[in-house]
Amino acid sequence: MIPNVVLEILDWAKTKEDLAELRYENKTSDPPISVHFAMSSAVAGQSPANGKRILYLKAPTIGKVSYVAEKVSAGSMVSAQQVLGVVEGEKEKVQFESPVAGKLQEVLVKPGSWVGFGDPLLLIELN
């Protein structure tokens, strides 16, 4: 579950036209949370004139990635707190969910790939 403070920060940031980047990390939470919010030009090389805001969804732990297949593909719409997949480590499986509602812009990591803590998994365009 995403803490309310993250959702509040993201709601606030959506209204700021001059905001280029915002990071929030809480490594002491269980699981650790890392959110990176940036203008699409900063993350995907798109024109800043389009005004889109993109969020990196990062790996909550070290392990092998699997997605909720029917819900995770470029162009899919996701809702806030929707479970998108699992990172399976040696001792635990940690679900990851979308902290915001939006459109899944890009799947950065293929299912079955190994990731480190904080590695970007998905790009989500905020509604």
C-alpha atoms as a PDB file:
ATOM      1  CA  MET A   1       0.000   0.000   0.000  1.00  0.00           C
ATOM      2  CA  ILE A   2       1.326   3.423  -0.966  1.00  0.00           C
ATOM      3  CA  PRO A   3       1.496   5.917   1.925  1.00  0.00           C
ATOM      4  CA  ASN A   4      -0.933   8.823   1.687  1.00  0.00           C
ATOM      5  CA  VAL A   5       1.955  11.308   1.761  1.00  0.00           C
ATOM      6  CA  VAL A   6       3.211   9.982  -1.598  1.00  0.00           C
ATOM      7  CA  LEU A   7      -0.243  10.311  -3.163  1.00  0.00           C
ATOM      8  CA  GLU A   8      -0.614  13.848  -1.764  1.00  0.00           C
ATOM      9  CA  ILE A   9       2.797  14.890  -3.112  1.00  0.00           C
ATOM     10  CA  LEU A  10       1.988  13.483  -6.552  1.00  0.00           C
ATOM     11  CA  ASP A  11      -1.408  15.220  -6.640  1.00  0.00           C
ATOM     12  CA  TRP A  12       0.297  18.506  -5.750  1.00  0.00           C
ATOM     13  CA  ALA A  13       3.068  17.986  -8.320  1.00  0.00           C
ATOM     14  CA  LYS A  14       0.604  17.372 -11.177  1.00  0.00           C
ATOM     15  CA  THR A  15      -0.459  21.028 -10.978  1.00  0.00           C
ATOM     16  CA  LYS A  16       3.058  22.500 -11.158  1.00  0.00           C
ATOM     17  CA  GLU A  17       3.976  23.426 -14.735  1.00  0.00           C
ATOM     18  CA  ASP A  18       7.569  24.414 -13.881  1.00  0.00           C
ATOM     19  CA  LEU A  19       8.368  21.265 -11.893  1.00  0.00           C
ATOM     20  CA  ALA A  20      11.032  19.218 -13.676  1.00  0.00           C
ATOM     21  CA  GLU A  21      11.633  16.430 -11.179  1.00  0.00           C
ATOM     22  CA  LEU A  22      10.583  15.188  -7.743  1.00  0.00           C
ATOM     23  CA  ARG A  23      11.968  12.263  -5.757  1.00  0.00           C
ATOM     24  CA  TYR A  24      10.609  10.591  -2.637  1.00  0.00           C
ATOM     25  CA  GLU A  25      12.317   7.721  -0.859  1.00  0.00           C
ATOM     26  CA  ASN A  26      11.565   5.920   2.362  1.00  0.00           C
ATOM     27  CA  LYS A  27      13.979   3.030   2.753  1.00  0.00           C
ATOM     28  CA  THR A  28      12.768   2.231   6.278  1.00  0.00           C
ATOM     29  CA  SER A  29       9.197   1.407   5.233  1.00  0.00           C
ATOM     30  CA  ASP A  30       8.196  -2.192   4.576  1.00  0.00           C
ATOM     31  CA  PRO A  31       8.603  -2.597   1.643  1.00  0.00           C
ATOM     32  CA  PRO A  32      10.973   0.307   0.899  1.00  0.00           C
ATOM     33  CA  ILE A  33       9.410   2.992  -1.309  1.00  0.00           C
ATOM     34  CA  SER A  34      11.134   4.950  -4.061  1.00  0.00           C
ATOM     35  CA  VAL A  35       9.146   7.273  -6.326  1.00  0.00           C
ATOM     36  CA  HIS A  36      10.597   9.395  -9.116  1.00  0.00           C
ATOM     37  CA  PHE A  37       8.316  11.929 -10.766  1.00  0.00           C
ATOM     38  CA  ALA A  38       9.602  13.857 -13.815  1.00  0.00           C
ATOM     39  CA  MET A  39       8.552  15.722 -16.918  1.00  0.00           C
ATOM     40  CA  SER A  40       8.352  13.300 -19.837  1.00  0.00           C
ATOM     41  CA  SER A  41      11.162  15.139 -21.644  1.00  0.00           C
ATOM     42  CA  ALA A  42      13.471  14.302 -18.755  1.00  0.00           C
ATOM     43  CA  VAL A  43      12.712  10.577 -18.822  1.00  0.00           C
ATOM     44  CA  ALA A  44      11.563   9.646 -22.282  1.00  0.00           C
ATOM     45  CA  GLY A  45      13.007  12.283 -24.599  1.00  0.00           C
ATOM     46  CA  GLN A  46       9.594  13.672 -25.499  1.00  0.00           C
ATOM     47  CA  SER A  47       8.884  17.311 -26.216  1.00  0.00           C
ATOM     48  CA  PRO A  48       8.340  19.311 -23.011  1.00  0.00           C
ATOM     49  CA  ALA A  49       5.595  21.180 -24.863  1.00  0.00           C
ATOM     50  CA  ASN A  50       3.275  18.187 -24.516  1.00  0.00           C
ATOM     51  CA  GLY A  51       3.028  18.810 -20.752  1.00  0.00           C
ATOM     52  CA  LYS A  52       2.886  15.095 -19.888  1.00  0.00           C
ATOM     53  CA  ARG A  53       4.109  13.951 -16.510  1.00  0.00           C
ATOM     54  CA  ILE A  54       5.738  10.549 -16.183  1.00  0.00           C
ATOM     55  CA  LEU A  55       6.377   8.483 -13.072  1.00  0.00           C
ATOM     56  CA  TYR A  56       9.061   5.799 -12.808  1.00  0.00           C
ATOM     57  CA  LEU A  57       7.779   2.788 -10.882  1.00  0.00           C
ATOM     58  CA  LYS A  58      10.843   1.225  -9.278  1.00  0.00           C
ATOM     59  CA  ALA A  59      11.620  -2.243  -7.940  1.00  0.00           C
ATOM     60  CA  PRO A  60      10.787  -2.579  -4.224  1.00  0.00           C
ATOM     61  CA  THR A  61      13.472  -5.247  -3.679  1.00  0.00           C
ATOM     62  CA  ILE A  62      16.077  -7.406  -5.424  1.00  0.00           C
ATOM     63  CA  GLY A  63      14.706 -10.329  -7.412  1.00  0.00           C
ATOM     64  CA  LYS A  64      12.972 -11.652 -10.513  1.00  0.00           C
ATOM     65  CA  VAL A  65      10.093  -9.637 -11.996  1.00  0.00           C
ATOM     66  CA  SER A  66       6.689 -10.994 -12.968  1.00  0.00           C
ATOM     67  CA  TYR A  67       3.691  -8.910 -14.022  1.00  0.00           C
ATOM     68  CA  VAL A  68      -0.056  -9.278 -13.812  1.00  0.00           C
ATOM     69  CA  ALA A  69      -0.037 -10.169 -17.511  1.00  0.00           C
ATOM     70  CA  GLU A  70      -3.480  -8.978 -18.579  1.00  0.00           C
ATOM     71  CA  LYS A  71      -2.974  -5.560 -16.981  1.00  0.00           C
ATOM     72  CA  VAL A  72       0.637  -4.704 -17.812  1.00  0.00           C
ATOM     73  CA  SER A  73       1.316  -3.633 -21.383  1.00  0.00           C
ATOM     74  CA  ALA A  74       2.101  -0.290 -22.997  1.00  0.00           C
ATOM     75  CA  GLY A  75      -1.085   1.717 -23.404  1.00  0.00           C
ATOM     76  CA  SER A  76      -2.961   0.012 -20.544  1.00  0.00           C
ATOM     77  CA  MET A  77      -4.770   2.224 -18.063  1.00  0.00           C
ATOM     78  CA  VAL A  78      -3.907   1.651 -14.396  1.00  0.00           C
ATOM     79  CA  SER A  79      -5.567   2.881 -11.236  1.00  0.00           C
ATOM     80  CA  ALA A  80      -3.956   4.084  -8.019  1.00  0.00           C
ATOM     81  CA  GLN A  81      -2.931   1.200  -5.757  1.00  0.00           C
ATOM     82  CA  GLN A  82      -3.542  -1.374  -8.505  1.00  0.00           C
ATOM     83  CA  VAL A  83      -1.185  -4.346  -8.138  1.00  0.00           C
ATOM     84  CA  LEU A  84       0.922  -4.604 -11.290  1.00  0.00           C
ATOM     85  CA  GLY A  85       3.286  -7.422 -10.438  1.00  0.00           C
ATOM     86  CA  VAL A  86       5.718  -9.109  -8.085  1.00  0.00           C
ATOM     87  CA  VAL A  87       9.461  -9.064  -7.525  1.00  0.00           C
ATOM     88  CA  GLU A  88      10.464 -12.470  -6.191  1.00  0.00           C
ATOM     89  CA  GLY A  89      13.673 -12.615  -4.176  1.00  0.00           C
ATOM     90  CA  GLU A  90      15.322 -15.593  -2.524  1.00  0.00           C
ATOM     91  CA  LYS A  91      13.225 -15.351   0.630  1.00  0.00           C
ATOM     92  CA  GLU A  92      10.195 -13.262  -0.233  1.00  0.00           C
ATOM     93  CA  LYS A  93       7.780 -12.080  -2.903  1.00  0.00           C
ATOM     94  CA  VAL A  94       7.065  -8.349  -2.850  1.00  0.00           C
ATOM     95  CA  GLN A  95       4.099  -6.981  -4.793  1.00  0.00           C
ATOM     96  CA  PHE A  96       4.393  -3.610  -6.472  1.00  0.00           C
ATOM     97  CA  GLU A  97       1.488  -1.353  -7.296  1.00  0.00           C
ATOM     98  CA  SER A  98       0.851   1.850  -9.152  1.00  0.00           C
ATOM     99  CA  PRO A  99       0.937   4.820  -6.788  1.00  0.00           C
ATOM    100  CA  VAL A 100      -1.201   6.868  -9.210  1.00  0.00           C
ATOM    101  CA  ALA A 101      -3.882   6.496 -11.855  1.00  0.00           C
ATOM    102  CA  GLY A 102      -2.597   6.829 -15.380  1.00  0.00           C
ATOM    103  CA  LYS A 103      -1.574   5.221 -18.638  1.00  0.00           C
ATOM    104  CA  LEU A 104       1.228   2.679 -18.746  1.00  0.00           C
ATOM    105  CA  GLN A 105       3.702   4.367 -21.077  1.00  0.00           C
ATOM    106  CA  GLU A 106       6.425   1.721 -21.248  1.00  0.00           C
ATOM    107  CA  VAL A 107       7.432  -1.605 -19.701  1.00  0.00           C
ATOM    108  CA  LEU A 108      11.170  -1.192 -19.041  1.00  0.00           C
ATOM    109  CA  VAL A 109      11.909  -4.679 -17.676  1.00  0.00           C
ATOM    110  CA  LYS A 110      10.857  -7.926 -19.329  1.00  0.00           C
ATOM    111  CA  PRO A 111       9.092 -10.565 -17.207  1.00  0.00           C
ATOM    112  CA  GLY A 112      11.591 -13.013 -15.736  1.00  0.00           C
ATOM    113  CA  SER A 113      14.403 -10.437 -15.644  1.00  0.00           C
ATOM    114  CA  TRP A 114      16.401  -9.849 -12.473  1.00  0.00           C
ATOM    115  CA  VAL A 115      16.358  -6.365 -10.963  1.00  0.00           C
ATOM    116  CA  GLY A 116      18.050  -4.544  -8.120  1.00  0.00           C
ATOM    117  CA  PHE A 117      16.362  -2.436  -5.477  1.00  0.00           C
ATOM    118  CA  GLY A 118      15.215   0.832  -7.065  1.00  0.00           C
ATOM    119  CA  ASP A 119      15.659  -0.248 -10.678  1.00  0.00           C
ATOM    120  CA  PRO A 120      12.976   1.350 -12.908  1.00  0.00           C
ATOM    121  CA  LEU A 121      10.326  -1.205 -13.965  1.00  0.00           C
ATOM    122  CA  LEU A 122       7.590   0.833 -15.651  1.00  0.00           C
ATOM    123  CA  LEU A 123       6.827   4.364 -16.855  1.00  0.00           C
ATOM    124  CA  ILE A 124       3.354   5.636 -16.022  1.00  0.00           C
ATOM    125  CA  GLU A 125       1.885   8.794 -17.570  1.00  0.00           C
ATOM    126  CA  LEU A 126      -0.217  10.518 -14.941  1.00  0.00           C
ATOM    127  CA  ASN A 127      -3.840  11.372 -15.742  1.00  0.00           C
END
